[in-house]
């Protein structure tokens, strides 16, 4: 379901099937935040909040 949502939104889903360490995840998120405009960051925050519930 999340993969289909990502396709519709035109965003990339990372493959977390391997054991990634928290440092790698933070670095990936920081890169995305630096490359993304404010509107898309707020959308990502809303999606993460919904998933975390």
N, C-alpha and C. Protein backbone atom coordinates (compact mmCIF):
# COMPACT_ATOMS: atom_id res chain seq x y z
N UNK A 1 0.81 -1.19 0.00
CA UNK A 1 0.00 0.00 0.00
C UNK A 1 0.87 1.27 0.00
N UNK A 2 1.91 1.29 0.83
CA UNK A 2 2.78 2.46 0.87
C UNK A 2 3.53 2.65 -0.43
N UNK A 3 3.86 1.55 -1.09
CA UNK A 3 4.57 1.65 -2.36
C UNK A 3 3.68 2.31 -3.41
N UNK A 4 2.41 1.94 -3.44
CA UNK A 4 1.47 2.56 -4.39
C UNK A 4 1.30 4.03 -4.08
N UNK A 5 1.19 4.38 -2.80
CA UNK A 5 1.06 5.78 -2.41
C UNK A 5 2.30 6.57 -2.83
N UNK A 6 3.46 6.00 -2.63
CA UNK A 6 4.70 6.67 -3.03
C UNK A 6 4.74 6.88 -4.54
N UNK A 7 4.29 5.89 -5.30
CA UNK A 7 4.26 6.03 -6.75
C UNK A 7 3.34 7.17 -7.18
N UNK A 8 2.17 7.26 -6.55
CA UNK A 8 1.22 8.31 -6.88
C UNK A 8 1.79 9.68 -6.54
N UNK A 9 2.49 9.77 -5.41
CA UNK A 9 3.07 11.04 -4.97
C UNK A 9 4.38 11.35 -5.67
N UNK A 10 4.91 10.37 -6.40
CA UNK A 10 6.16 10.58 -7.12
C UNK A 10 7.36 10.64 -6.19
N UNK A 11 7.32 9.87 -5.09
CA UNK A 11 8.44 9.87 -4.17
C UNK A 11 9.06 8.48 -4.12
N UNK A 12 10.29 8.43 -3.63
CA UNK A 12 11.04 7.18 -3.59
C UNK A 12 10.86 6.49 -2.24
N UNK A 13 10.64 5.20 -2.28
CA UNK A 13 10.57 4.40 -1.06
C UNK A 13 11.90 3.67 -0.93
N UNK A 14 12.49 3.76 0.26
CA UNK A 14 13.75 3.07 0.50
C UNK A 14 13.48 1.63 0.88
N UNK A 15 14.39 0.77 0.51
CA UNK A 15 14.30 -0.64 0.86
C UNK A 15 14.98 -0.83 2.20
N UNK A 16 14.17 -1.02 3.25
CA UNK A 16 14.72 -1.20 4.58
C UNK A 16 14.73 -2.67 4.98
N UNK A 17 14.73 -3.57 4.00
CA UNK A 17 14.73 -4.98 4.33
C UNK A 17 16.04 -5.40 4.98
N UNK A 18 17.10 -4.69 4.70
CA UNK A 18 18.37 -4.97 5.38
C UNK A 18 18.38 -4.20 6.71
N UNK A 19 19.28 -4.55 7.55
CA UNK A 19 19.36 -3.86 8.84
C UNK A 19 20.20 -2.60 8.70
N UNK A 20 19.51 -1.46 8.59
CA UNK A 20 20.20 -0.19 8.48
C UNK A 20 20.40 0.39 9.87
N UNK A 21 21.53 0.98 10.08
CA UNK A 21 21.78 1.59 11.38
C UNK A 21 21.15 2.98 11.40
N UNK A 22 20.84 3.45 12.59
CA UNK A 22 20.13 4.72 12.76
C UNK A 22 20.90 5.88 12.13
N UNK A 23 22.21 5.83 12.15
CA UNK A 23 23.02 6.90 11.54
C UNK A 23 22.75 7.00 10.04
N UNK A 24 22.68 5.88 9.36
CA UNK A 24 22.40 5.87 7.92
C UNK A 24 21.02 6.43 7.64
N UNK A 25 20.05 6.07 8.46
CA UNK A 25 18.68 6.57 8.28
C UNK A 25 18.62 8.08 8.47
N UNK A 26 19.30 8.57 9.50
CA UNK A 26 19.32 10.02 9.74
C UNK A 26 19.99 10.76 8.59
N UNK A 27 21.09 10.22 8.09
CA UNK A 27 21.79 10.86 6.97
C UNK A 27 20.90 10.90 5.73
N UNK A 28 20.18 9.82 5.47
CA UNK A 28 19.28 9.79 4.31
C UNK A 28 18.17 10.81 4.46
N UNK A 29 17.61 10.90 5.65
CA UNK A 29 16.54 11.88 5.89
C UNK A 29 17.06 13.30 5.77
N UNK A 30 18.25 13.56 6.29
CA UNK A 30 18.83 14.89 6.20
C UNK A 30 19.08 15.30 4.74
N UNK A 31 19.56 14.36 3.94
CA UNK A 31 19.77 14.65 2.51
C UNK A 31 18.44 15.01 1.84
N UNK A 32 17.41 14.23 2.14
CA UNK A 32 16.10 14.50 1.56
C UNK A 32 15.57 15.87 1.99
N UNK A 33 15.74 16.21 3.25
CA UNK A 33 15.27 17.49 3.76
C UNK A 33 15.98 18.66 3.09
N UNK A 34 17.27 18.50 2.83
CA UNK A 34 18.03 19.56 2.19
C UNK A 34 17.62 19.76 0.73
N UNK A 35 17.16 18.69 0.09
CA UNK A 35 16.84 18.74 -1.34
C UNK A 35 15.37 19.02 -1.64
N UNK A 36 14.55 19.11 -0.61
CA UNK A 36 13.11 19.19 -0.79
C UNK A 36 12.58 20.54 -0.35
N UNK A 37 11.53 21.01 -1.06
CA UNK A 37 10.94 22.29 -0.68
C UNK A 37 10.03 22.12 0.55
N UNK A 38 9.66 23.25 1.14
CA UNK A 38 8.92 23.24 2.41
C UNK A 38 7.58 22.53 2.30
N UNK A 39 6.88 22.72 1.20
CA UNK A 39 5.57 22.09 1.02
C UNK A 39 5.67 20.56 1.08
N UNK A 40 6.68 20.01 0.41
CA UNK A 40 6.85 18.56 0.40
C UNK A 40 7.32 18.04 1.77
N UNK A 41 8.08 18.85 2.49
CA UNK A 41 8.50 18.45 3.83
C UNK A 41 7.28 18.33 4.74
N UNK A 42 6.37 19.31 4.67
CA UNK A 42 5.15 19.24 5.49
C UNK A 42 4.31 18.03 5.10
N UNK A 43 4.24 17.72 3.83
CA UNK A 43 3.50 16.53 3.39
C UNK A 43 4.13 15.27 3.97
N UNK A 44 5.45 15.20 3.96
CA UNK A 44 6.15 14.05 4.53
C UNK A 44 5.88 13.93 6.02
N UNK A 45 5.85 15.05 6.73
CA UNK A 45 5.56 15.05 8.16
C UNK A 45 4.16 14.50 8.41
N UNK A 46 3.20 14.94 7.62
CA UNK A 46 1.83 14.45 7.78
C UNK A 46 1.73 12.95 7.52
N UNK A 47 2.43 12.49 6.51
CA UNK A 47 2.42 11.05 6.19
C UNK A 47 3.07 10.26 7.32
N UNK A 48 4.21 10.73 7.81
CA UNK A 48 4.89 10.02 8.91
C UNK A 48 4.04 9.98 10.17
N UNK A 49 3.35 11.08 10.46
CA UNK A 49 2.45 11.09 11.62
C UNK A 49 1.33 10.07 11.45
N UNK A 50 0.77 10.00 10.26
CA UNK A 50 -0.33 9.06 10.01
C UNK A 50 0.15 7.62 10.13
N UNK A 51 1.34 7.35 9.63
CA UNK A 51 1.90 5.99 9.69
C UNK A 51 2.24 5.62 11.13
N UNK A 52 2.72 6.58 11.90
CA UNK A 52 3.15 6.32 13.27
C UNK A 52 1.98 6.07 14.22
N UNK A 53 0.80 6.45 13.84
CA UNK A 53 -0.37 6.26 14.73
C UNK A 53 -0.73 4.86 14.86
